[in-house]
Amino acid sequence: MYRNVLFVSDKELHWIREDLTLKIIETMQVEARVKYRQALKNATLHKVETGLYVEFTNKQAAIQEGQFVAWYQEDELLGSGVIS
């Protein structure tokens, strides 16, 4: 199964860089990965009332609910969350 949009609910959302936490309707360009050894891929974060959408530029393979997605800027981990 290929997907390019993932959802992380607010209760499963973790920011390491809390100063960069998005407010509702804000977006942020990042690089993200789902698998530990996966290369970073371009993505956009979209904050909504109930959580955060992670939209990859290209579809990603074999993504399942319960996996973590992590997002970065310039190799710095900004946050992560459990995919719903």
N, C-alpha and C. Protein backbone atom coordinates (compact mmCIF):
# COMPACT_ATOMS: atom_id res chain seq x y z
N MET A 1 0.84 -1.18 0.00
CA MET A 1 0.00 0.00 0.00
C MET A 1 0.89 1.25 0.00
N TYR A 2 0.62 2.16 -0.90
CA TYR A 2 1.37 3.40 -1.00
C TYR A 2 0.53 4.55 -0.49
N ARG A 3 1.14 5.41 0.33
CA ARG A 3 0.43 6.58 0.88
C ARG A 3 1.39 7.77 0.85
N ASN A 4 0.82 8.95 0.66
CA ASN A 4 1.66 10.13 0.79
C ASN A 4 1.16 11.06 1.88
N VAL A 5 -0.01 10.80 2.48
CA VAL A 5 -0.52 11.62 3.57
C VAL A 5 -0.77 10.73 4.79
N LEU A 6 -0.18 11.11 5.91
CA LEU A 6 -0.32 10.39 7.17
C LEU A 6 -0.95 11.32 8.19
N PHE A 7 -1.64 10.75 9.19
CA PHE A 7 -2.23 11.56 10.25
C PHE A 7 -1.69 11.12 11.60
N VAL A 8 -1.36 12.10 12.44
CA VAL A 8 -0.93 11.86 13.83
C VAL A 8 -1.86 12.66 14.72
N SER A 9 -2.58 11.99 15.63
CA SER A 9 -3.51 12.70 16.52
C SER A 9 -2.72 13.48 17.57
N ASP A 10 -3.36 14.50 18.11
CA ASP A 10 -2.70 15.34 19.13
C ASP A 10 -2.18 14.52 20.31
N LYS A 11 -2.91 13.47 20.71
CA LYS A 11 -2.48 12.68 21.86
C LYS A 11 -1.24 11.84 21.57
N GLU A 12 -0.91 11.64 20.30
CA GLU A 12 0.26 10.85 19.90
C GLU A 12 1.36 11.71 19.29
N LEU A 13 1.25 13.02 19.43
CA LEU A 13 2.17 13.98 18.82
C LEU A 13 3.22 14.42 19.84
N HIS A 14 4.49 14.35 19.45
CA HIS A 14 5.60 14.69 20.35
C HIS A 14 6.54 15.67 19.66
N TRP A 15 6.70 16.85 20.23
CA TRP A 15 7.64 17.84 19.70
C TRP A 15 8.89 17.85 20.58
N ILE A 16 10.05 17.71 19.99
CA ILE A 16 11.31 17.84 20.70
C ILE A 16 11.68 19.32 20.73
N ARG A 17 11.48 19.99 19.59
CA ARG A 17 11.69 21.44 19.51
C ARG A 17 10.35 22.11 19.74
N GLU A 18 9.96 22.24 21.01
CA GLU A 18 8.65 22.80 21.34
C GLU A 18 8.49 24.24 20.85
N ASP A 19 9.61 24.94 20.66
CA ASP A 19 9.54 26.31 20.15
C ASP A 19 9.07 26.35 18.69
N LEU A 20 9.08 25.22 18.00
CA LEU A 20 8.63 25.17 16.60
C LEU A 20 7.25 24.53 16.45
N THR A 21 6.58 24.23 17.57
CA THR A 21 5.26 23.62 17.52
C THR A 21 4.32 24.47 16.66
N LEU A 22 3.61 23.81 15.77
CA LEU A 22 2.70 24.52 14.87
C LEU A 22 1.37 24.82 15.53
N LYS A 23 0.79 25.94 15.14
CA LYS A 23 -0.57 26.29 15.54
C LYS A 23 -1.52 25.83 14.44
N ILE A 24 -2.80 25.74 14.77
CA ILE A 24 -3.81 25.29 13.79
C ILE A 24 -3.72 26.15 12.54
N ILE A 25 -3.77 25.49 11.40
CA ILE A 25 -3.67 25.95 10.01
C ILE A 25 -2.25 26.32 9.58
N GLU A 26 -1.26 26.23 10.46
CA GLU A 26 0.12 26.50 10.05
C GLU A 26 0.69 25.27 9.35
N THR A 27 1.67 25.51 8.49
CA THR A 27 2.38 24.44 7.80
C THR A 27 3.88 24.64 7.98
N MET A 28 4.64 23.58 7.71
CA MET A 28 6.09 23.65 7.81
C MET A 28 6.70 22.65 6.82
N GLN A 29 7.70 23.08 6.08
CA GLN A 29 8.44 22.20 5.18
C GLN A 29 9.49 21.46 6.00
N VAL A 30 9.53 20.14 5.87
CA VAL A 30 10.45 19.31 6.63
C VAL A 30 10.95 18.18 5.75
N GLU A 31 11.81 17.37 6.33
CA GLU A 31 12.14 16.06 5.78
C GLU A 31 11.65 15.06 6.81
N ALA A 32 11.14 13.92 6.37
CA ALA A 32 10.55 12.96 7.30
C ALA A 32 10.91 11.54 6.90
N ARG A 33 10.74 10.65 7.88
CA ARG A 33 10.92 9.22 7.63
C ARG A 33 9.99 8.42 8.52
N VAL A 34 9.64 7.23 8.04
CA VAL A 34 8.82 6.31 8.82
C VAL A 34 9.67 5.15 9.31
N LYS A 35 10.54 4.68 8.47
CA LYS A 35 11.40 3.55 8.83
C LYS A 35 12.76 4.05 9.31
N TYR A 36 13.31 3.38 10.31
CA TYR A 36 14.53 3.81 10.97
C TYR A 36 15.68 4.09 10.00
N ARG A 37 15.90 3.23 9.05
CA ARG A 37 17.02 3.38 8.12
C ARG A 37 16.63 4.05 6.80
N GLN A 38 15.40 4.47 6.70
CA GLN A 38 14.92 5.13 5.48
C GLN A 38 15.60 6.48 5.30
N ALA A 39 15.93 6.81 4.08
CA ALA A 39 16.46 8.14 3.79
C ALA A 39 15.37 9.17 4.07
N LEU A 40 15.78 10.36 4.46
CA LEU A 40 14.81 11.44 4.69
C LEU A 40 14.16 11.83 3.37
N LYS A 41 12.85 12.07 3.44
CA LYS A 41 12.05 12.43 2.26
C LYS A 41 11.38 13.77 2.50
N ASN A 42 11.23 14.58 1.45
CA ASN A 42 10.56 15.87 1.56
C ASN A 42 9.10 15.69 1.95
N ALA A 43 8.66 16.54 2.88
CA ALA A 43 7.28 16.47 3.36
C ALA A 43 6.85 17.85 3.86
N THR A 44 5.54 18.01 4.02
CA THR A 44 4.96 19.22 4.58
C THR A 44 4.08 18.81 5.76
N LEU A 45 4.24 19.50 6.88
CA LEU A 45 3.38 19.29 8.04
C LEU A 45 2.22 20.27 7.94
N HIS A 46 1.01 19.78 8.25
CA HIS A 46 -0.20 20.60 8.23
C HIS A 46 -0.89 20.41 9.58
N LYS A 47 -0.94 21.45 10.40
CA LYS A 47 -1.58 21.35 11.72
C LYS A 47 -3.07 21.61 11.57
N VAL A 48 -3.86 20.70 12.12
CA VAL A 48 -5.32 20.85 12.15
C VAL A 48 -5.76 20.74 13.61
N GLU A 49 -7.02 20.96 13.85
CA GLU A 49 -7.54 20.99 15.22
C GLU A 49 -7.29 19.71 16.00
N THR A 50 -7.37 18.57 15.34
CA THR A 50 -7.26 17.28 16.04
C THR A 50 -5.89 16.62 15.97
N GLY A 51 -4.97 17.23 15.23
CA GLY A 51 -3.65 16.61 15.11
C GLY A 51 -2.82 17.24 14.01
N LEU A 52 -2.06 16.39 13.35
CA LEU A 52 -1.08 16.86 12.36
C LEU A 52 -1.08 15.91 11.17
N TYR A 53 -1.19 16.48 9.97
CA TYR A 53 -1.01 15.70 8.75
C TYR A 53 0.43 15.85 8.29
N VAL A 54 1.02 14.73 7.88
CA VAL A 54 2.35 14.72 7.28
C VAL A 54 2.14 14.32 5.83
N GLU A 55 2.42 15.25 4.92
CA GLU A 55 2.20 15.00 3.50
C GLU A 55 3.55 14.89 2.80
N PHE A 56 3.88 13.68 2.38
CA PHE A 56 5.12 13.45 1.64
C PHE A 56 4.95 13.92 0.20
N THR A 57 6.03 14.42 -0.39
CA THR A 57 6.01 14.84 -1.79
C THR A 57 5.73 13.64 -2.69
N ASN A 58 6.34 12.49 -2.37
CA ASN A 58 6.15 11.26 -3.12
C ASN A 58 5.53 10.20 -2.21
N LYS A 59 4.74 9.31 -2.81
CA LYS A 59 4.10 8.25 -2.03
C LYS A 59 5.15 7.35 -1.40
N GLN A 60 4.84 6.88 -0.19
CA GLN A 60 5.72 6.00 0.58
C GLN A 60 5.08 4.63 0.66
N ALA A 61 5.91 3.59 0.62
CA ALA A 61 5.42 2.22 0.62
C ALA A 61 5.35 1.63 2.01
N ALA A 62 4.42 0.71 2.19
CA ALA A 62 4.32 -0.16 3.37
C ALA A 62 4.24 0.60 4.69
N ILE A 63 3.38 1.60 4.75
CA ILE A 63 3.18 2.35 5.99
C ILE A 63 1.91 1.83 6.66
N GLN A 64 2.02 1.56 7.95
CA GLN A 64 0.90 1.01 8.71
C GLN A 64 0.59 1.90 9.92
N GLU A 65 -0.66 1.86 10.36
CA GLU A 65 -1.03 2.53 11.60
C GLU A 65 -0.19 1.93 12.73
N GLY A 66 0.19 2.77 13.68
CA GLY A 66 1.00 2.31 14.81
C GLY A 66 2.48 2.53 14.62
N GLN A 67 2.93 2.76 13.38
CA GLN A 67 4.33 3.10 13.15
C GLN A 67 4.56 4.56 13.53
N PHE A 68 5.81 4.90 13.81
CA PHE A 68 6.17 6.28 14.07
C PHE A 68 6.58 6.97 12.80
N VAL A 69 6.28 8.25 12.71
CA VAL A 69 6.84 9.12 11.69
C VAL A 69 7.62 10.19 12.44
N ALA A 70 8.81 10.53 11.93
CA ALA A 70 9.65 11.55 12.56
C ALA A 70 9.99 12.60 11.52
N TRP A 71 10.05 13.87 11.95
CA TRP A 71 10.34 14.96 11.02
C TRP A 71 11.55 15.76 11.49
N TYR A 72 12.28 16.26 10.50
CA TYR A 72 13.59 16.89 10.71
C TYR A 72 13.70 18.16 9.88
N GLN A 73 14.61 19.02 10.29
CA GLN A 73 15.10 20.12 9.46
C GLN A 73 16.61 20.12 9.60
N GLU A 74 17.28 20.02 8.45
CA GLU A 74 18.75 20.00 8.42
C GLU A 74 19.32 18.98 9.41
N ASP A 75 18.83 17.77 9.37
CA ASP A 75 19.28 16.65 10.22
C ASP A 75 18.99 16.81 11.70
N GLU A 76 18.24 17.84 12.10
CA GLU A 76 17.84 17.99 13.50
C GLU A 76 16.43 17.43 13.67
N LEU A 77 16.27 16.50 14.58
CA LEU A 77 14.96 15.93 14.87
C LEU A 77 14.09 16.97 15.56
N LEU A 78 12.93 17.28 14.96
CA LEU A 78 12.02 18.28 15.53
C LEU A 78 10.90 17.64 16.32
N GLY A 79 10.42 16.48 15.85
CA GLY A 79 9.32 15.84 16.51
C GLY A 79 8.98 14.51 15.87
N SER A 80 8.00 13.84 16.46
CA SER A 80 7.56 12.55 15.94
C SER A 80 6.15 12.26 16.45
N GLY A 81 5.57 11.19 15.93
CA GLY A 81 4.25 10.79 16.39
C GLY A 81 3.87 9.44 15.83
N VAL A 82 2.86 8.85 16.45
CA VAL A 82 2.34 7.55 16.03
C VAL A 82 1.29 7.77 14.95
N ILE A 83 1.43 7.07 13.87
CA ILE A 83 0.51 7.19 12.74
C ILE A 83 -0.83 6.57 13.11
N SER A 84 -1.92 7.32 12.86
CA SER A 84 -3.28 6.82 13.12
C SER A 84 -3.84 6.16 11.88
